[in-house]
Amino acid sequence: MVLGTGLPVSLCVPLNGDLFGRARLGSVLGILTFGYALIGGWGPLIWATLRETAGHYNSAALVSTVCYAIAVVAILLVNPTKTGRS
């Protein structure tokens, strides 16, 4: 379970520093933290609403799968920042 949840947390700062540059790291982490808080708060409500509407969790799982797929594509489209170091 550590590799599934713990490893990305410890790699978040260096990875974002490499992708967006150290000068913008604070802003990027602020945006990510806001996103985590937003989904952490609204995610269960969205899942519950879809469950009550459809009668099962299939539609909620489908919405989550589509969101994850969009996130993966967005991550793959990010180009690392050129830092001038060799």
PDB file of N, CA and C in Angstrom:
ATOM      1  N   MET A   1       0.822  -1.194   0.000  1.00  0.00           N
ATOM      2  CA  MET A   1       0.000   0.000   0.000  1.00  0.00           C
ATOM      3  C   MET A   1       0.863   1.254   0.000  1.00  0.00           C
ATOM      4  N   VAL A   2       2.070   1.154   0.502  1.00  0.00           N
ATOM      5  CA  VAL A   2       2.941   2.326   0.573  1.00  0.00           C
ATOM      6  C   VAL A   2       3.272   2.831  -0.815  1.00  0.00           C
ATOM      7  N   LEU A   3       3.565   1.931  -1.731  1.00  0.00           N
ATOM      8  CA  LEU A   3       3.885   2.366  -3.086  1.00  0.00           C
ATOM      9  C   LEU A   3       2.673   2.999  -3.776  1.00  0.00           C
ATOM     10  N   GLY A   4       1.481   2.577  -3.413  1.00  0.00           N
ATOM     11  CA  GLY A   4       0.286   3.124  -4.039  1.00  0.00           C
ATOM     12  C   GLY A   4      -0.085   4.503  -3.539  1.00  0.00           C
ATOM     13  N   THR A   5       0.156   4.781  -2.261  1.00  0.00           N
ATOM     14  CA  THR A   5      -0.261   6.077  -1.732  1.00  0.00           C
ATOM     15  C   THR A   5       0.883   6.905  -1.172  1.00  0.00           C
ATOM     16  N   GLY A   6       1.851   6.276  -0.544  1.00  0.00           N
ATOM     17  CA  GLY A   6       2.914   7.029   0.114  1.00  0.00           C
ATOM     18  C   GLY A   6       3.980   7.551  -0.830  1.00  0.00           C
ATOM     19  N   LEU A   7       4.349   6.772  -1.824  1.00  0.00           N
ATOM     20  CA  LEU A   7       5.414   7.167  -2.735  1.00  0.00           C
ATOM     21  C   LEU A   7       5.083   8.426  -3.533  1.00  0.00           C
ATOM     22  N   PRO A   8       3.885   8.560  -4.102  1.00  0.00           N
ATOM     23  CA  PRO A   8       3.597   9.798  -4.835  1.00  0.00           C
ATOM     24  C   PRO A   8       3.652  11.050  -3.971  1.00  0.00           C
ATOM     25  N   VAL A   9       3.317  10.930  -2.701  1.00  0.00           N
ATOM     26  CA  VAL A   9       3.349  12.091  -1.814  1.00  0.00           C
ATOM     27  C   VAL A   9       4.780  12.567  -1.632  1.00  0.00           C
ATOM     28  N   SER A  10       5.710  11.639  -1.408  1.00  0.00           N
ATOM     29  CA  SER A  10       7.097  12.037  -1.200  1.00  0.00           C
ATOM     30  C   SER A  10       7.763  12.513  -2.483  1.00  0.00           C
ATOM     31  N   LEU A  11       7.277  12.103  -3.629  1.00  0.00           N
ATOM     32  CA  LEU A  11       7.851  12.530  -4.906  1.00  0.00           C
ATOM     33  C   LEU A  11       7.174  13.764  -5.484  1.00  0.00           C
ATOM     34  N   CYS A  12       6.124  14.244  -4.851  1.00  0.00           N
ATOM     35  CA  CYS A  12       5.351  15.373  -5.381  1.00  0.00           C
ATOM     36  C   CYS A  12       6.196  16.633  -5.510  1.00  0.00           C
ATOM     37  N   VAL A  13       6.940  16.986  -4.487  1.00  0.00           N
ATOM     38  CA  VAL A  13       7.722  18.225  -4.509  1.00  0.00           C
ATOM     39  C   VAL A  13       8.845  18.162  -5.538  1.00  0.00           C
ATOM     40  N   PRO A  14       9.706  17.123  -5.548  1.00  0.00           N
ATOM     41  CA  PRO A  14      10.769  17.114  -6.556  1.00  0.00           C
ATOM     42  C   PRO A  14      10.245  17.008  -7.988  1.00  0.00           C
ATOM     43  N   LEU A  15       9.185  16.227  -8.178  1.00  0.00           N
ATOM     44  CA  LEU A  15       8.631  16.081  -9.526  1.00  0.00           C
ATOM     45  C   LEU A  15       8.076  17.406 -10.030  1.00  0.00           C
ATOM     46  N   ASN A  16       7.315  18.096  -9.204  1.00  0.00           N
ATOM     47  CA  ASN A  16       6.756  19.381  -9.624  1.00  0.00           C
ATOM     48  C   ASN A  16       7.842  20.434  -9.790  1.00  0.00           C
ATOM     49  N   GLY A  17       8.888  20.362  -8.983  1.00  0.00           N
ATOM     50  CA  GLY A  17      10.014  21.270  -9.153  1.00  0.00           C
ATOM     51  C   GLY A  17      10.691  21.067 -10.488  1.00  0.00           C
ATOM     52  N   ASP A  18      10.831  19.803 -10.905  1.00  0.00           N
ATOM     53  CA  ASP A  18      11.427  19.511 -12.207  1.00  0.00           C
ATOM     54  C   ASP A  18      10.517  19.914 -13.358  1.00  0.00           C
ATOM     55  N   LEU A  19       9.229  19.704 -13.196  1.00  0.00           N
ATOM     56  CA  LEU A  19       8.298  20.000 -14.282  1.00  0.00           C
ATOM     57  C   LEU A  19       8.041  21.493 -14.464  1.00  0.00           C
ATOM     58  N   PHE A  20       7.892  22.219 -13.367  1.00  0.00           N
ATOM     59  CA  PHE A  20       7.470  23.609 -13.456  1.00  0.00           C
ATOM     60  C   PHE A  20       8.536  24.609 -13.030  1.00  0.00           C
ATOM     61  N   GLY A  21       9.652  24.140 -12.524  1.00  0.00           N
ATOM     62  CA  GLY A  21      10.709  25.032 -12.073  1.00  0.00           C
ATOM     63  C   GLY A  21      10.557  25.346 -10.593  1.00  0.00           C
ATOM     64  N   ARG A  22      11.700  25.494  -9.923  1.00  0.00           N
ATOM     65  CA  ARG A  22      11.667  25.736  -8.476  1.00  0.00           C
ATOM     66  C   ARG A  22      11.079  27.089  -8.126  1.00  0.00           C
ATOM     67  N   ALA A  23      11.188  28.057  -9.027  1.00  0.00           N
ATOM     68  CA  ALA A  23      10.655  29.390  -8.736  1.00  0.00           C
ATOM     69  C   ALA A  23       9.127  29.371  -8.621  1.00  0.00           C
ATOM     70  N   ARG A  24       8.470  28.449  -9.310  1.00  0.00           N
ATOM     71  CA  ARG A  24       7.002  28.378  -9.306  1.00  0.00           C
ATOM     72  C   ARG A  24       6.467  27.268  -8.408  1.00  0.00           C
ATOM     73  N   LEU A  25       7.341  26.606  -7.694  1.00  0.00           N
ATOM     74  CA  LEU A  25       6.943  25.431  -6.927  1.00  0.00           C
ATOM     75  C   LEU A  25       5.881  25.734  -5.879  1.00  0.00           C
ATOM     76  N   GLY A  26       6.001  26.844  -5.172  1.00  0.00           N
ATOM     77  CA  GLY A  26       5.007  27.196  -4.154  1.00  0.00           C
ATOM     78  C   GLY A  26       3.624  27.395  -4.747  1.00  0.00           C
ATOM     79  N   SER A  27       3.555  28.066  -5.883  1.00  0.00           N
ATOM     80  CA  SER A  27       2.257  28.283  -6.548  1.00  0.00           C
ATOM     81  C   SER A  27       1.661  26.975  -7.018  1.00  0.00           C
ATOM     82  N   VAL A  28       2.483  26.125  -7.598  1.00  0.00           N
ATOM     83  CA  VAL A  28       1.995  24.839  -8.099  1.00  0.00           C
ATOM     84  C   VAL A  28       1.482  23.977  -6.952  1.00  0.00           C
ATOM     85  N   LEU A  29       2.224  23.917  -5.861  1.00  0.00           N
ATOM     86  CA  LEU A  29       1.772  23.118  -4.718  1.00  0.00           C
ATOM     87  C   LEU A  29       0.506  23.700  -4.101  1.00  0.00           C
ATOM     88  N   GLY A  30       0.361  25.006  -4.116  1.00  0.00           N
ATOM     89  CA  GLY A  30      -0.871  25.630  -3.629  1.00  0.00           C
ATOM     90  C   GLY A  30      -2.072  25.236  -4.474  1.00  0.00           C
ATOM     91  N   ILE A  31      -1.890  25.230  -5.788  1.00  0.00           N
ATOM     92  CA  ILE A  31      -2.975  24.826  -6.685  1.00  0.00           C
ATOM     93  C   ILE A  31      -3.323  23.353  -6.474  1.00  0.00           C
ATOM     94  N   LEU A  32      -2.289  22.503  -6.338  1.00  0.00           N
ATOM     95  CA  LEU A  32      -2.543  21.080  -6.099  1.00  0.00           C
ATOM     96  C   LEU A  32      -3.270  20.841  -4.780  1.00  0.00           C
ATOM     97  N   THR A  33      -2.847  21.537  -3.743  1.00  0.00           N
ATOM     98  CA  THR A  33      -3.493  21.380  -2.442  1.00  0.00           C
ATOM     99  C   THR A  33      -4.951  21.810  -2.505  1.00  0.00           C
ATOM    100  N   PHE A  34      -5.228  22.895  -3.220  1.00  0.00           N
ATOM    101  CA  PHE A  34      -6.615  23.338  -3.401  1.00  0.00           C
ATOM    102  C   PHE A  34      -7.418  22.262  -4.125  1.00  0.00           C
ATOM    103  N   GLY A  35      -6.824  21.664  -5.157  1.00  0.00           N
ATOM    104  CA  GLY A  35      -7.515  20.596  -5.894  1.00  0.00           C
ATOM    105  C   GLY A  35      -7.798  19.385  -5.025  1.00  0.00           C
ATOM    106  N   TYR A  36      -6.808  18.988  -4.196  1.00  0.00           N
ATOM    107  CA  TYR A  36      -7.016  17.861  -3.290  1.00  0.00           C
ATOM    108  C   TYR A  36      -8.148  18.157  -2.311  1.00  0.00           C
ATOM    109  N   ALA A  37      -8.163  19.366  -1.776  1.00  0.00           N
ATOM    110  CA  ALA A  37      -9.202  19.736  -0.816  1.00  0.00           C
ATOM    111  C   ALA A  37     -10.579  19.783  -1.483  1.00  0.00           C
ATOM    112  N   LEU A  38     -10.614  20.288  -2.691  1.00  0.00           N
ATOM    113  CA  LEU A  38     -11.878  20.385  -3.431  1.00  0.00           C
ATOM    114  C   LEU A  38     -12.459  19.001  -3.688  1.00  0.00           C
ATOM    115  N   ILE A  39     -11.647  18.102  -4.204  1.00  0.00           N
ATOM    116  CA  ILE A  39     -12.126  16.751  -4.480  1.00  0.00           C
ATOM    117  C   ILE A  39     -12.393  15.990  -3.183  1.00  0.00           C
ATOM    118  N   GLY A  40     -11.559  16.219  -2.165  1.00  0.00           N
ATOM    119  CA  GLY A  40     -11.782  15.552  -0.877  1.00  0.00           C
ATOM    120  C   GLY A  40     -13.109  15.935  -0.259  1.00  0.00           C
ATOM    121  N   GLY A  41     -13.538  17.160  -0.505  1.00  0.00           N
ATOM    122  CA  GLY A  41     -14.813  17.618   0.036  1.00  0.00           C
ATOM    123  C   GLY A  41     -16.005  17.297  -0.839  1.00  0.00           C
ATOM    124  N   TRP A  42     -15.852  17.507  -2.133  1.00  0.00           N
ATOM    125  CA  TRP A  42     -16.968  17.331  -3.054  1.00  0.00           C
ATOM    126  C   TRP A  42     -17.089  15.916  -3.611  1.00  0.00           C
ATOM    127  N   GLY A  43     -15.990  15.174  -3.644  1.00  0.00           N
ATOM    128  CA  GLY A  43     -16.012  13.825  -4.211  1.00  0.00           C
ATOM    129  C   GLY A  43     -17.049  12.907  -3.592  1.00  0.00           C
ATOM    130  N   PRO A  44     -17.073  12.774  -2.265  1.00  0.00           N
ATOM    131  CA  PRO A  44     -18.086  11.910  -1.656  1.00  0.00           C
ATOM    132  C   PRO A  44     -19.518  12.379  -1.930  1.00  0.00           C
ATOM    133  N   LEU A  45     -19.721  13.686  -1.979  1.00  0.00           N
ATOM    134  CA  LEU A  45     -21.054  14.199  -2.278  1.00  0.00           C
ATOM    135  C   LEU A  45     -21.468  13.851  -3.711  1.00  0.00           C
ATOM    136  N   ILE A  46     -20.538  13.967  -4.644  1.00  0.00           N
ATOM    137  CA  ILE A  46     -20.823  13.617  -6.043  1.00  0.00           C
ATOM    138  C   ILE A  46     -21.129  12.128  -6.155  1.00  0.00           C
ATOM    139  N   TRP A  47     -20.300  11.287  -5.497  1.00  0.00           N
ATOM    140  CA  TRP A  47     -20.543   9.849  -5.537  1.00  0.00           C
ATOM    141  C   TRP A  47     -21.903   9.504  -4.926  1.00  0.00           C
ATOM    142  N   ALA A  48     -22.252  10.126  -3.807  1.00  0.00           N
ATOM    143  CA  ALA A  48     -23.531   9.841  -3.152  1.00  0.00           C
ATOM    144  C   ALA A  48     -24.709  10.275  -4.025  1.00  0.00           C
ATOM    145  N   THR A  49     -24.560  11.434  -4.667  1.00  0.00           N
ATOM    146  CA  THR A  49     -25.630  11.918  -5.547  1.00  0.00           C
ATOM    147  C   THR A  49     -25.829  10.984  -6.732  1.00  0.00           C
ATOM    148  N   LEU A  50     -24.728  10.554  -7.354  1.00  0.00           N
ATOM    149  CA  LEU A  50     -24.838   9.614  -8.470  1.00  0.00           C
ATOM    150  C   LEU A  50     -25.407   8.274  -8.014  1.00  0.00           C
ATOM    151  N   ARG A  51     -25.056   7.836  -6.817  1.00  0.00           N
ATOM    152  CA  ARG A  51     -25.588   6.587  -6.281  1.00  0.00           C
ATOM    153  C   ARG A  51     -27.093   6.688  -6.038  1.00  0.00           C
ATOM    154  N   GLU A  52     -27.516   7.801  -5.483  1.00  0.00           N
ATOM    155  CA  GLU A  52     -28.953   7.987  -5.224  1.00  0.00           C
ATOM    156  C   GLU A  52     -29.735   8.121  -6.523  1.00  0.00           C
ATOM    157  N   THR A  53     -29.148   8.757  -7.519  1.00  0.00           N
ATOM    158  CA  THR A  53     -29.832   8.959  -8.796  1.00  0.00           C
ATOM    159  C   THR A  53     -29.940   7.659  -9.587  1.00  0.00           C
ATOM    160  N   ALA A  54     -28.818   6.936  -9.704  1.00  0.00           N
ATOM    161  CA  ALA A  54     -28.783   5.743 -10.550  1.00  0.00           C
ATOM    162  C   ALA A  54     -29.140   4.466  -9.796  1.00  0.00           C
ATOM    163  N   GLY A  55     -28.980   4.464  -8.488  1.00  0.00           N
ATOM    164  CA  GLY A  55     -29.272   3.263  -7.714  1.00  0.00           C
ATOM    165  C   GLY A  55     -28.074   2.335  -7.561  1.00  0.00           C
ATOM    166  N   HIS A  56     -26.954   2.691  -8.176  1.00  0.00           N
ATOM    167  CA  HIS A  56     -25.727   1.894  -8.050  1.00  0.00           C
ATOM    168  C   HIS A  56     -24.527   2.823  -8.246  1.00  0.00           C
ATOM    169  N   TYR A  57     -23.344   2.280  -7.993  1.00  0.00           N
ATOM    170  CA  TYR A  57     -22.132   3.094  -8.068  1.00  0.00           C
ATOM    171  C   TYR A  57     -21.463   3.062  -9.448  1.00  0.00           C
ATOM    172  N   ASN A  58     -22.040   2.388 -10.416  1.00  0.00           N
ATOM    173  CA  ASN A  58     -21.404   2.263 -11.728  1.00  0.00           C
ATOM    174  C   ASN A  58     -21.186   3.622 -12.403  1.00  0.00           C
ATOM    175  N   SER A  59     -22.168   4.496 -12.344  1.00  0.00           N
ATOM    176  CA  SER A  59     -22.014   5.802 -13.001  1.00  0.00           C
ATOM    177  C   SER A  59     -20.966   6.652 -12.285  1.00  0.00           C
ATOM    178  N   ALA A  60     -20.887   6.550 -10.970  1.00  0.00           N
ATOM    179  CA  ALA A  60     -19.874   7.293 -10.224  1.00  0.00           C
ATOM    180  C   ALA A  60     -18.481   6.775 -10.572  1.00  0.00           C
ATOM    181  N   ALA A  61     -18.339   5.461 -10.680  1.00  0.00           N
ATOM    182  CA  ALA A  61     -17.052   4.884 -11.047  1.00  0.00           C
ATOM    183  C   ALA A  61     -16.667   5.283 -12.466  1.00  0.00           C
ATOM    184  N   LEU A  62     -17.632   5.361 -13.360  1.00  0.00           N
ATOM    185  CA  LEU A  62     -17.360   5.784 -14.729  1.00  0.00           C
ATOM    186  C   LEU A  62     -16.897   7.237 -14.778  1.00  0.00           C
ATOM    187  N   VAL A  63     -17.548   8.100 -14.019  1.00  0.00           N
ATOM    188  CA  VAL A  63     -17.140   9.512 -13.957  1.00  0.00           C
ATOM    189  C   VAL A  63     -15.719   9.621 -13.411  1.00  0.00           C
ATOM    190  N   SER A  64     -15.402   8.872 -12.371  1.00  0.00           N
ATOM    191  CA  SER A  64     -14.053   8.893 -11.803  1.00  0.00           C
ATOM    192  C   SER A  64     -13.023   8.377 -12.802  1.00  0.00           C
ATOM    193  N   THR A  65     -13.367   7.317 -13.532  1.00  0.00           N
ATOM    194  CA  THR A  65     -12.454   6.763 -14.536  1.00  0.00           C
ATOM    195  C   THR A  65     -12.162   7.766 -15.628  1.00  0.00           C
ATOM    196  N   VAL A  66     -13.184   8.469 -16.088  1.00  0.00           N
ATOM    197  CA  VAL A  66     -12.987   9.491 -17.121  1.00  0.00           C
ATOM    198  C   VAL A  66     -12.108  10.626 -16.591  1.00  0.00           C
ATOM    199  N   CYS A  67     -12.338  11.037 -15.359  1.00  0.00           N
ATOM    200  CA  CYS A  67     -11.508  12.100 -14.768  1.00  0.00           C
ATOM    201  C   CYS A  67     -10.058  11.671 -14.648  1.00  0.00           C
ATOM    202  N   TYR A  68      -9.819  10.431 -14.224  1.00  0.00           N
ATOM    203  CA  TYR A  68      -8.450   9.924 -14.137  1.00  0.00           C
ATOM    204  C   TYR A  68      -7.804   9.860 -15.518  1.00  0.00           C
ATOM    205  N   ALA A  69      -8.556   9.423 -16.525  1.00  0.00           N
ATOM    206  CA  ALA A  69      -8.009   9.351 -17.882  1.00  0.00           C
ATOM    207  C   ALA A  69      -7.619  10.741 -18.392  1.00  0.00           C
ATOM    208  N   ILE A  70      -8.448  11.731 -18.122  1.00  0.00           N
ATOM    209  CA  ILE A  70      -8.127  13.101 -18.515  1.00  0.00           C
ATOM    210  C   ILE A  70      -6.877  13.577 -17.787  1.00  0.00           C
ATOM    211  N   ALA A  71      -6.753  13.238 -16.509  1.00  0.00           N
ATOM    212  CA  ALA A  71      -5.574  13.635 -15.736  1.00  0.00           C
ATOM    213  C   ALA A  71      -4.306  12.984 -16.278  1.00  0.00           C
ATOM    214  N   VAL A  72      -4.377  11.717 -16.658  1.00  0.00           N
ATOM    215  CA  VAL A  72      -3.207  11.028 -17.210  1.00  0.00           C
ATOM    216  C   VAL A  72      -2.772  11.675 -18.510  1.00  0.00           C
ATOM    217  N   VAL A  73      -3.716  11.983 -19.380  1.00  0.00           N
ATOM    218  CA  VAL A  73      -3.385  12.645 -20.646  1.00  0.00           C
ATOM    219  C   VAL A  73      -2.766  14.014 -20.379  1.00  0.00           C
ATOM    220  N   ALA A  74      -3.319  14.764 -19.435  1.00  0.00           N
ATOM    221  CA  ALA A  74      -2.774  16.082 -19.109  1.00  0.00           C
ATOM    222  C   ALA A  74      -1.353  15.975 -18.579  1.00  0.00           C
ATOM    223  N   ILE A  75      -1.088  14.981 -17.732  1.00  0.00           N
ATOM    224  CA  ILE A  75       0.257  14.787 -17.195  1.00  0.00           C
ATOM    225  C   ILE A  75       1.237  14.440 -18.310  1.00  0.00           C
ATOM    226  N   LEU A  76       0.805  13.599 -19.239  1.00  0.00           N
ATOM    227  CA  LEU A  76       1.687  13.214 -20.337  1.00  0.00           C
ATOM    228  C   LEU A  76       1.988  14.376 -21.291  1.00  0.00           C
ATOM    229  N   LEU A  77       1.136  15.385 -21.322  1.00  0.00           N
ATOM    230  CA  LEU A  77       1.347  16.528 -22.199  1.00  0.00           C
ATOM    231  C   LEU A  77       2.234  17.606 -21.595  1.00  0.00           C
ATOM    232  N   VAL A  78       2.563  17.496 -20.307  1.00  0.00           N
ATOM    233  CA  VAL A  78       3.399  18.497 -19.645  1.00  0.00           C
ATOM    234  C   VAL A  78       4.853  18.302 -20.064  1.00  0.00           C
ATOM    235  N   ASN A  79       5.496  19.393 -20.464  1.00  0.00           N
ATOM    236  CA  ASN A  79       6.918  19.358 -20.799  1.00  0.00           C
ATOM    237  C   ASN A  79       7.715  19.939 -19.647  1.00  0.00           C
ATOM    238  N   PRO A  80       8.832  19.280 -19.276  1.00  0.00           N
ATOM    239  CA  PRO A  80       9.658  19.831 -18.198  1.00  0.00           C
ATOM    240  C   PRO A  80      10.197  21.227 -18.546  1.00  0.00           C
ATOM    241  N   THR A  81      10.375  22.062 -17.539  1.00  0.00           N
ATOM    242  CA  THR A  81      10.902  23.400 -17.714  1.00  0.00           C
ATOM    243  C   THR A  81      12.400  23.331 -17.963  1.00  0.00           C
ATOM    244  N   LYS A  82      12.876  24.138 -18.875  1.00  0.00           N
ATOM    245  CA  LYS A  82      14.312  24.222 -19.124  1.00  0.00           C
ATOM    246  C   LYS A  82      14.931  25.087 -18.029  1.00  0.00           C
ATOM    247  N   THR A  83      15.877  24.528 -17.264  1.00  0.00           N
ATOM    248  CA  THR A  83      16.456  25.259 -16.132  1.00  0.00           C
ATOM    249  C   THR A  83      17.793  25.874 -16.441  1.00  0.00           C
ATOM    250  N   GLY A  84      18.399  25.526 -17.553  1.00  0.00           N
ATOM    251  CA  GLY A  84      19.703  26.089 -17.876  1.00  0.00           C
ATOM    252  C   GLY A  84      20.841  25.295 -17.299  1.00  0.00           C
ATOM    253  N   ARG A  85      20.541  24.272 -16.498  1.00  0.00           N
ATOM    254  CA  ARG A  85      21.588  23.404 -15.953  1.00  0.00           C
ATOM    255  C   ARG A  85      21.904  22.311 -16.966  1.00  0.00           C
ATOM    256  N   SER A  86      23.144  21.858 -16.967  1.00  0.00           N
ATOM    257  CA  SER A  86      23.483  20.768 -17.893  1.00  0.00           C
ATOM    258  C   SER A  86      23.658  19.459 -17.185  1.00  0.00           C
TER     259      SER A  86
END
